């Protein structure tokens, strides 16, 4: 099943690159975009579609994406049939929003010191989707499915952080202050188990899966606040995992 992916780009960055190559007086000349996809950010990208450029929009859409959770690149073609270099790898809008939602629930909101990279979040999303539908690739993202994927991803994140902290020793700080890192393990495990209980309740409402892999029930709204910001950041994971857009420059923040 093909997915419809919306891909945003930064037209100002593209125009700046264009002028650097063709001179400051050059007028941006784009007829169409070639769209490429890959299951991984650093994988081999395969051309899947061509879409006309609409100067009124800052996004392009493709209806033939293999999955929403794939990575995408594009090239633009000018009126002389000259093809640009690859853009940086980006995610579809729906997956970016889902990752942002999971981050918010977990308290992993500092993108300069994040506990997980986008690639790791995508793995969680794929595992969650497979747990719900027996399909790793995300081709549908109804609100019902988003709730389940977000919850299961949070569970996996908590278990992962518990494992990462399981081999740590107590940390001694100045003035004889000590931090027992074992408390973090207990914290993550208890949180994961609490979320597992919430997942069991949600499954009762989800019902079965139809022929298209869509859930047939209506889950309860996640009304409990399981956000735990104070313990979340993993200090061993330093650095940003955001990526550029356009042709290698900063991208629009959703």
C-alpha atoms as a PDB file:
ATOM      1  CA  UNK A   1       0.000   0.000   0.000  1.00  0.00           C
ATOM      2  CA  UNK A   2       1.384   3.401  -0.977  1.00  0.00           C
ATOM      3  CA  UNK A   3       1.347   6.304   1.457  1.00  0.00           C
ATOM      4  CA  UNK A   4       0.759  10.017   0.832  1.00  0.00           C
ATOM      5  CA  UNK A   5       3.742  11.942   2.167  1.00  0.00           C
ATOM      6  CA  UNK A   6       3.912  15.721   2.496  1.00  0.00           C
ATOM      7  CA  UNK A   7       7.467  17.079   2.339  1.00  0.00           C
ATOM      8  CA  UNK A   8       8.312  20.640   3.322  1.00  0.00           C
ATOM      9  CA  UNK A   9      11.215  22.583   1.854  1.00  0.00           C
ATOM     10  CA  UNK A  10      12.834  25.973   2.485  1.00  0.00           C
ATOM     11  CA  UNK A  11      12.514  27.914  -0.755  1.00  0.00           C
ATOM     12  CA  UNK A  12      14.726  30.729   0.588  1.00  0.00           C
ATOM     13  CA  UNK A  13      17.589  28.290   1.153  1.00  0.00           C
ATOM     14  CA  UNK A  14      17.123  26.835  -2.312  1.00  0.00           C
ATOM     15  CA  UNK A  15      17.158  30.303  -3.858  1.00  0.00           C
ATOM     16  CA  UNK A  16      20.302  31.239  -1.935  1.00  0.00           C
ATOM     17  CA  UNK A  17      22.090  28.127  -3.178  1.00  0.00           C
ATOM     18  CA  UNK A  18      20.875  28.862  -6.700  1.00  0.00           C
ATOM     19  CA  UNK A  19      22.323  32.381  -6.592  1.00  0.00           C
ATOM     20  CA  UNK A  20      25.637  31.145  -5.215  1.00  0.00           C
ATOM     21  CA  UNK A  21      25.966  28.925  -8.263  1.00  0.00           C
ATOM     22  CA  UNK A  22      24.496  31.196 -10.931  1.00  0.00           C
ATOM     23  CA  UNK A  23      25.193  34.698  -9.604  1.00  0.00           C
ATOM     24  CA  UNK A  24      23.272  37.187  -7.468  1.00  0.00           C
ATOM     25  CA  UNK A  25      21.226  38.430 -10.423  1.00  0.00           C
ATOM     26  CA  UNK A  26      20.003  34.953 -11.348  1.00  0.00           C
ATOM     27  CA  UNK A  27      16.270  34.358 -11.023  1.00  0.00           C
ATOM     28  CA  UNK A  28      15.235  31.093  -9.386  1.00  0.00           C
ATOM     29  CA  UNK A  29      14.099  28.771 -12.136  1.00  0.00           C
ATOM     30  CA  UNK A  30      12.315  25.602 -10.978  1.00  0.00           C
ATOM     31  CA  UNK A  31       9.929  23.560 -13.080  1.00  0.00           C
ATOM     32  CA  UNK A  32       9.621  20.388 -11.021  1.00  0.00           C
ATOM     33  CA  UNK A  33      10.937  18.337  -8.146  1.00  0.00           C
ATOM     34  CA  UNK A  34      12.219  14.772  -8.381  1.00  0.00           C
ATOM     35  CA  UNK A  35      11.426  12.867  -5.167  1.00  0.00           C
ATOM     36  CA  UNK A  36      13.575  10.063  -3.758  1.00  0.00           C
ATOM     37  CA  UNK A  37      13.079   7.761  -0.772  1.00  0.00           C
ATOM     38  CA  UNK A  38      15.042   5.379   1.436  1.00  0.00           C
ATOM     39  CA  UNK A  39      14.175   3.293   4.482  1.00  0.00           C
ATOM     40  CA  UNK A  40      17.156   4.795   6.327  1.00  0.00           C
ATOM     41  CA  UNK A  41      18.643   8.264   6.498  1.00  0.00           C
ATOM     42  CA  UNK A  42      22.036   7.170   5.191  1.00  0.00           C
ATOM     43  CA  UNK A  43      20.767   4.515   2.799  1.00  0.00           C
ATOM     44  CA  UNK A  44      20.477   4.426  -0.976  1.00  0.00           C
ATOM     45  CA  UNK A  45      17.753   6.776  -2.234  1.00  0.00           C
ATOM     46  CA  UNK A  46      15.549   5.636  -5.103  1.00  0.00           C
ATOM     47  CA  UNK A  47      13.565   8.002  -7.322  1.00  0.00           C
ATOM     48  CA  UNK A  48       9.833   7.449  -6.863  1.00  0.00           C
ATOM     49  CA  UNK A  49       8.026  10.498  -8.251  1.00  0.00           C
ATOM     50  CA  UNK A  50       8.155  13.843 -10.053  1.00  0.00           C
ATOM     51  CA  UNK A  51       5.954  16.778  -9.024  1.00  0.00           C
ATOM     52  CA  UNK A  52       5.488  20.190 -10.645  1.00  0.00           C
ATOM     53  CA  UNK A  53       6.739  23.146  -8.623  1.00  0.00           C
ATOM     54  CA  UNK A  54       3.992  25.419  -7.271  1.00  0.00           C
ATOM     55  CA  UNK A  55       5.486  28.728  -6.034  1.00  0.00           C
ATOM     56  CA  UNK A  56       2.438  29.242  -3.802  1.00  0.00           C
ATOM     57  CA  UNK A  57       3.382  26.243  -1.645  1.00  0.00           C
ATOM     58  CA  UNK A  58       6.355  25.424   0.565  1.00  0.00           C
ATOM     59  CA  UNK A  59       5.764  21.692   0.331  1.00  0.00           C
ATOM     60  CA  UNK A  60       5.366  18.932  -2.205  1.00  0.00           C
ATOM     61  CA  UNK A  61       3.324  15.766  -1.879  1.00  0.00           C
ATOM     62  CA  UNK A  62       3.797  12.318  -3.300  1.00  0.00           C
ATOM     63  CA  UNK A  63       1.131   9.638  -3.357  1.00  0.00           C
ATOM     64  CA  UNK A  64       3.520   6.799  -4.152  1.00  0.00           C
ATOM     65  CA  UNK A  65       5.744   6.742  -1.075  1.00  0.00           C
ATOM     66  CA  UNK A  66       6.475   3.226   0.144  1.00  0.00           C
ATOM     67  CA  UNK A  67       5.869   4.304   3.732  1.00  0.00           C
ATOM     68  CA  UNK A  68       5.437   7.464   5.756  1.00  0.00           C
ATOM     69  CA  UNK A  69       8.344   6.567   8.028  1.00  0.00           C
ATOM     70  CA  UNK A  70      10.871   6.531   5.169  1.00  0.00           C
ATOM     71  CA  UNK A  71      13.423   9.295   4.626  1.00  0.00           C
ATOM     72  CA  UNK A  72      13.081  11.536   1.579  1.00  0.00           C
ATOM     73  CA  UNK A  73      15.325  13.680  -0.585  1.00  0.00           C
ATOM     74  CA  UNK A  74      14.543  15.777  -3.623  1.00  0.00           C
ATOM     75  CA  UNK A  75      16.225  17.438  -6.583  1.00  0.00           C
ATOM     76  CA  UNK A  76      14.807  20.326  -8.564  1.00  0.00           C
ATOM     77  CA  UNK A  77      14.880  20.642 -12.342  1.00  0.00           C
ATOM     78  CA  UNK A  78      15.069  24.016 -14.122  1.00  0.00           C
ATOM     79  CA  UNK A  79      13.766  25.098 -17.524  1.00  0.00           C
ATOM     80  CA  UNK A  80      17.002  24.010 -19.199  1.00  0.00           C
ATOM     81  CA  UNK A  81      16.585  20.500 -17.781  1.00  0.00           C
ATOM     82  CA  UNK A  82      19.495  21.048 -15.377  1.00  0.00           C
ATOM     83  CA  UNK A  83      19.096  18.878 -12.276  1.00  0.00           C
ATOM     84  CA  UNK A  84      20.268  20.137  -8.884  1.00  0.00           C
ATOM     85  CA  UNK A  85      22.204  18.239  -6.247  1.00  0.00           C
ATOM     86  CA  UNK A  86      20.351  16.201  -3.612  1.00  0.00           C
ATOM     87  CA  UNK A  87      18.681  18.010  -0.762  1.00  0.00           C
ATOM     88  CA  UNK A  88      19.376  16.800   2.753  1.00  0.00           C
ATOM     89  CA  UNK A  89      17.326  13.833   3.998  1.00  0.00           C
ATOM     90  CA  UNK A  90      14.024  14.824   5.584  1.00  0.00           C
ATOM     91  CA  UNK A  91      10.994  13.119   7.093  1.00  0.00           C
ATOM     92  CA  UNK A  92       7.371  13.367   6.047  1.00  0.00           C
ATOM     93  CA  UNK A  93       5.355  15.961   7.954  1.00  0.00           C
ATOM     94  CA  UNK A  94       3.157  13.346   9.658  1.00  0.00           C
ATOM     95  CA  UNK A  95       6.157  11.483  11.088  1.00  0.00           C
ATOM     96  CA  UNK A  96       7.797  14.696  12.262  1.00  0.00           C
ATOM     97  CA  UNK A  97       4.608  15.628  14.104  1.00  0.00           C
ATOM     98  CA  UNK A  98       4.406  12.137  15.646  1.00  0.00           C
ATOM     99  CA  UNK A  99       8.021  12.287  16.834  1.00  0.00           C
ATOM    100  CA  UNK A 100       7.390  15.740  18.289  1.00  0.00           C
ATOM    101  CA  UNK A 101       4.331  14.369  20.096  1.00  0.00           C
ATOM    102  CA  UNK A 102       6.293  11.481  21.605  1.00  0.00           C
ATOM    103  CA  UNK A 103       9.108  13.825  22.630  1.00  0.00           C
ATOM    104  CA  UNK A 104       6.645  16.134  24.353  1.00  0.00           C
ATOM    105  CA  UNK A 105       5.031  13.305  26.325  1.00  0.00           C
ATOM    106  CA  UNK A 106       8.438  12.031  27.425  1.00  0.00           C
ATOM    107  CA  UNK A 107       9.875  15.451  28.186  1.00  0.00           C
ATOM    108  CA  UNK A 108      12.654  14.901  25.635  1.00  0.00           C
ATOM    109  CA  UNK A 109      12.267  18.404  24.248  1.00  0.00           C
ATOM    110  CA  UNK A 110      15.848  19.709  24.234  1.00  0.00           C
ATOM    111  CA  UNK A 111      16.987  18.931  20.692  1.00  0.00           C
ATOM    112  CA  UNK A 112      20.568  19.933  21.542  1.00  0.00           C
ATOM    113  CA  UNK A 113      20.722  17.341  24.326  1.00  0.00           C
ATOM    114  CA  UNK A 114      18.209  14.697  23.324  1.00  0.00           C
ATOM    115  CA  UNK A 115      17.994  11.202  24.734  1.00  0.00           C
ATOM    116  CA  UNK A 116      17.154   9.651  21.354  1.00  0.00           C
ATOM    117  CA  UNK A 117      17.914  10.513  17.742  1.00  0.00           C
ATOM    118  CA  UNK A 118      15.224  10.735  15.083  1.00  0.00           C
ATOM    119  CA  UNK A 119      16.435   7.381  13.741  1.00  0.00           C
ATOM    120  CA  UNK A 120      15.869   5.805  17.147  1.00  0.00           C
ATOM    121  CA  UNK A 121      12.409   7.322  17.408  1.00  0.00           C
ATOM    122  CA  UNK A 122      11.558   5.962  13.963  1.00  0.00           C
ATOM    123  CA  UNK A 123      12.641   2.487  15.103  1.00  0.00           C
ATOM    124  CA  UNK A 124      10.301   2.838  18.088  1.00  0.00           C
ATOM    125  CA  UNK A 125       7.472   3.954  15.795  1.00  0.00           C
ATOM    126  CA  UNK A 126       8.057   1.018  13.449  1.00  0.00           C
ATOM    127  CA  UNK A 127       8.154  -1.456  16.340  1.00  0.00           C
ATOM    128  CA  UNK A 128       4.987   0.033  17.791  1.00  0.00           C
ATOM    129  CA  UNK A 129       3.215  -0.121  14.442  1.00  0.00           C
ATOM    130  CA  UNK A 130       4.272  -3.753  13.996  1.00  0.00           C
ATOM    131  CA  UNK A 131       3.010  -4.589  17.470  1.00  0.00           C
ATOM    132  CA  UNK A 132      -0.367  -3.176  16.518  1.00  0.00           C
ATOM    133  CA  UNK A 133      -0.716  -4.318  12.906  1.00  0.00           C
ATOM    134  CA  UNK A 134       2.011  -6.898  12.100  1.00  0.00           C
ATOM    135  CA  UNK A 135       3.493  -4.404   9.641  1.00  0.00           C
ATOM    136  CA  UNK A 136       6.776  -2.549  10.184  1.00  0.00           C
ATOM    137  CA  UNK A 137       6.201   0.111   7.526  1.00  0.00           C
ATOM    138  CA  UNK A 138       3.857   2.929   8.524  1.00  0.00           C
ATOM    139  CA  UNK A 139       1.456   3.563   5.645  1.00  0.00           C
ATOM    140  CA  UNK A 140      -1.558   4.795   7.623  1.00  0.00           C
ATOM    141  CA  UNK A 141      -1.653   7.298  10.469  1.00  0.00           C
ATOM    142  CA  UNK A 142      -5.206   7.833  11.630  1.00  0.00           C
ATOM    143  CA  UNK A 143      -5.687   9.461  15.035  1.00  0.00           C
ATOM    144  CA  UNK A 144      -6.527   6.035  16.489  1.00  0.00           C
ATOM    145  CA  UNK A 145      -3.229   4.596  15.343  1.00  0.00           C
ATOM    146  CA  UNK A 146      -1.251   7.678  16.388  1.00  0.00           C
ATOM    147  CA  UNK A 147      -2.449   7.257  19.973  1.00  0.00           C
ATOM    148  CA  UNK A 148      -1.347   3.635  20.067  1.00  0.00           C
ATOM    149  CA  UNK A 149       2.016   4.246  18.396  1.00  0.00           C
ATOM    150  CA  UNK A 150       2.797   7.199  20.670  1.00  0.00           C
ATOM    151  CA  UNK A 151       1.986   5.180  23.788  1.00  0.00           C
ATOM    152  CA  UNK A 152       3.957   2.085  22.748  1.00  0.00           C
ATOM    153  CA  UNK A 153       6.926   4.238  21.723  1.00  0.00           C
ATOM    154  CA  UNK A 154       6.972   5.842  25.167  1.00  0.00           C
ATOM    155  CA  UNK A 155       6.982   2.392  26.754  1.00  0.00           C
ATOM    156  CA  UNK A 156       9.959   1.307  24.653  1.00  0.00           C
ATOM    157  CA  UNK A 157      11.787   4.562  25.406  1.00  0.00           C
ATOM    158  CA  UNK A 158      11.400   4.046  29.158  1.00  0.00           C
ATOM    159  CA  UNK A 159      12.647   0.454  29.024  1.00  0.00           C
ATOM    160  CA  UNK A 160      15.596   1.575  26.869  1.00  0.00           C
ATOM    161  CA  UNK A 161      16.561   4.289  29.338  1.00  0.00           C
ATOM    162  CA  UNK A 162      16.275   1.827  32.223  1.00  0.00           C
ATOM    163  CA  UNK A 163      18.683  -0.490  30.415  1.00  0.00           C
ATOM    164  CA  UNK A 164      21.123   2.334  29.663  1.00  0.00           C
ATOM    165  CA  UNK A 165      21.254   3.284  33.332  1.00  0.00           C
ATOM    166  CA  UNK A 166      21.443  -0.277  34.678  1.00  0.00           C
ATOM    167  CA  UNK A 167      25.252  -0.453  34.606  1.00  0.00           C
ATOM    168  CA  UNK A 168      25.912   2.911  36.227  1.00  0.00           C
ATOM    169  CA  UNK A 169      27.407   3.398  39.668  1.00  0.00           C
ATOM    170  CA  UNK A 170      26.395   6.087  42.188  1.00  0.00           C
ATOM    171  CA  UNK A 171      27.613   9.516  41.110  1.00  0.00           C
ATOM    172  CA  UNK A 172      29.454  11.654  43.664  1.00  0.00           C
ATOM    173  CA  UNK A 173      29.189  15.432  43.347  1.00  0.00           C
ATOM    174  CA  UNK A 174      30.962  18.234  45.252  1.00  0.00           C
ATOM    175  CA  UNK A 175      30.071  18.778  48.912  1.00  0.00           C
ATOM    176  CA  UNK A 176      29.537  15.040  49.439  1.00  0.00           C
ATOM    177  CA  UNK A 177      26.339  15.054  47.410  1.00  0.00           C
ATOM    178  CA  UNK A 178      25.557  11.633  45.925  1.00  0.00           C
ATOM    179  CA  UNK A 179      23.092  10.558  43.265  1.00  0.00           C
ATOM    180  CA  UNK A 180      21.974   6.952  43.241  1.00  0.00           C
ATOM    181  CA  UNK A 181      21.554   6.204  39.538  1.00  0.00           C
ATOM    182  CA  UNK A 182      19.701   3.024  40.456  1.00  0.00           C
ATOM    183  CA  UNK A 183      16.738   5.255  41.216  1.00  0.00           C
ATOM    184  CA  UNK A 184      16.615   6.142  37.546  1.00  0.00           C
ATOM    185  CA  UNK A 185      16.310   2.477  36.600  1.00  0.00           C
ATOM    186  CA  UNK A 186      13.426   2.025  39.038  1.00  0.00           C
ATOM    187  CA  UNK A 187      11.835   5.231  37.791  1.00  0.00           C
ATOM    188  CA  UNK A 188      11.886   4.167  34.126  1.00  0.00           C
ATOM    189  CA  UNK A 189      10.707   0.627  34.830  1.00  0.00           C
ATOM    190  CA  UNK A 190       7.793   1.819  36.971  1.00  0.00           C
ATOM    191  CA  UNK A 191       6.843   4.360  34.337  1.00  0.00           C
ATOM    192  CA  UNK A 192       7.013   1.737  31.565  1.00  0.00           C
ATOM    193  CA  UNK A 193       4.814  -0.644  33.561  1.00  0.00           C
ATOM    194  CA  UNK A 194       2.296   2.096  34.225  1.00  0.00           C
ATOM    195  CA  UNK A 195       2.148   2.843  30.512  1.00  0.00           C
ATOM    196  CA  UNK A 196       1.820  -0.889  29.745  1.00  0.00           C
ATOM    197  CA  UNK A 197      -1.267  -0.898  31.934  1.00  0.00           C
ATOM    198  CA  UNK A 198      -2.646   2.002  29.953  1.00  0.00           C
ATOM    199  CA  UNK A 199      -1.903   0.111  26.727  1.00  0.00           C
ATOM    200  CA  UNK A 200      -3.844  -2.937  27.964  1.00  0.00           C
ATOM    201  CA  UNK A 201      -6.855  -0.746  28.588  1.00  0.00           C
ATOM    202  CA  UNK A 202      -6.529   0.850  25.166  1.00  0.00           C
ATOM    203  CA  UNK A 203      -6.361  -2.554  23.450  1.00  0.00           C
ATOM    204  CA  UNK A 204      -9.782  -3.396  24.837  1.00  0.00           C
ATOM    205  CA  UNK A 205     -11.186  -0.475  22.867  1.00  0.00           C
ATOM    206  CA  UNK A 206      -9.189  -0.914  19.673  1.00  0.00           C
ATOM    207  CA  UNK A 207     -10.948  -4.049  18.546  1.00  0.00           C
ATOM    208  CA  UNK A 208      -9.751  -5.836  15.415  1.00  0.00           C
ATOM    209  CA  UNK A 209      -7.910  -4.741  12.272  1.00  0.00           C
ATOM    210  CA  UNK A 210      -9.739  -4.509   8.955  1.00  0.00           C
ATOM    211  CA  UNK A 211      -8.537  -5.637   5.512  1.00  0.00           C
ATOM    212  CA  UNK A 212      -6.586  -2.407   5.018  1.00  0.00           C
ATOM    213  CA  UNK A 213      -4.767  -2.765   8.321  1.00  0.00           C
ATOM    214  CA  UNK A 214      -6.816  -0.043  10.024  1.00  0.00           C
ATOM    215  CA  UNK A 215      -7.987  -0.338  13.614  1.00  0.00           C
ATOM    216  CA  UNK A 216     -11.743  -0.755  13.928  1.00  0.00           C
ATOM    217  CA  UNK A 217     -12.284   0.545  17.455  1.00  0.00           C
ATOM    218  CA  UNK A 218     -12.022   3.898  19.182  1.00  0.00           C
ATOM    219  CA  UNK A 219      -9.409   4.089  21.953  1.00  0.00           C
ATOM    220  CA  UNK A 220      -9.880   6.146  25.069  1.00  0.00           C
ATOM    221  CA  UNK A 221      -8.147   9.510  25.140  1.00  0.00           C
ATOM    222  CA  UNK A 222      -4.816   9.499  26.958  1.00  0.00           C
ATOM    223  CA  UNK A 223      -5.851  11.676  29.870  1.00  0.00           C
ATOM    224  CA  UNK A 224      -3.203  10.681  32.400  1.00  0.00           C
ATOM    225  CA  UNK A 225      -0.055  12.748  32.666  1.00  0.00           C
ATOM    226  CA  UNK A 226       2.931  10.416  32.526  1.00  0.00           C
ATOM    227  CA  UNK A 227       5.455  13.131  31.623  1.00  0.00           C
ATOM    228  CA  UNK A 228       8.657  12.920  33.653  1.00  0.00           C
ATOM    229  CA  UNK A 229      11.028  15.627  32.499  1.00  0.00           C
ATOM    230  CA  UNK A 230      13.493  15.650  35.388  1.00  0.00           C
ATOM    231  CA  UNK A 231      15.008  12.213  34.804  1.00  0.00           C
ATOM    232  CA  UNK A 232      14.636  11.899  31.071  1.00  0.00           C
ATOM    233  CA  UNK A 233      17.766  13.353  29.472  1.00  0.00           C
ATOM    234  CA  UNK A 234      20.533  10.827  28.991  1.00  0.00           C
ATOM    235  CA  UNK A 235      23.749  12.748  29.657  1.00  0.00           C
ATOM    236  CA  UNK A 236      25.772  10.411  27.456  1.00  0.00           C
ATOM    237  CA  UNK A 237      23.837  11.448  24.381  1.00  0.00           C
ATOM    238  CA  UNK A 238      25.059  14.937  23.581  1.00  0.00           C
ATOM    239  CA  UNK A 239      24.424  16.680  20.276  1.00  0.00           C
ATOM    240  CA  UNK A 240      21.631  17.657  17.971  1.00  0.00           C
ATOM    241  CA  UNK A 241      19.831  15.266  15.676  1.00  0.00           C
ATOM    242  CA  UNK A 242      17.943  17.835  13.646  1.00  0.00           C
ATOM    243  CA  UNK A 243      18.604  17.939   9.963  1.00  0.00           C
ATOM    244  CA  UNK A 244      18.658  20.639   7.344  1.00  0.00           C
ATOM    245  CA  UNK A 245      16.291  21.172   4.469  1.00  0.00           C
ATOM    246  CA  UNK A 246      16.449  22.836   1.088  1.00  0.00           C
ATOM    247  CA  UNK A 247      19.940  22.058  -0.141  1.00  0.00           C
ATOM    248  CA  UNK A 248      21.810  21.679   3.087  1.00  0.00           C
ATOM    249  CA  UNK A 249      20.649  24.716   5.027  1.00  0.00           C
ATOM    250  CA  UNK A 250      18.421  25.194   8.064  1.00  0.00           C
ATOM    251  CA  UNK A 251      14.898  23.900   7.744  1.00  0.00           C
ATOM    252  CA  UNK A 252      11.504  25.159   8.812  1.00  0.00           C
ATOM    253  CA  UNK A 253      10.520  24.113  12.317  1.00  0.00           C
ATOM    254  CA  UNK A 254       7.041  22.700  12.508  1.00  0.00           C
END
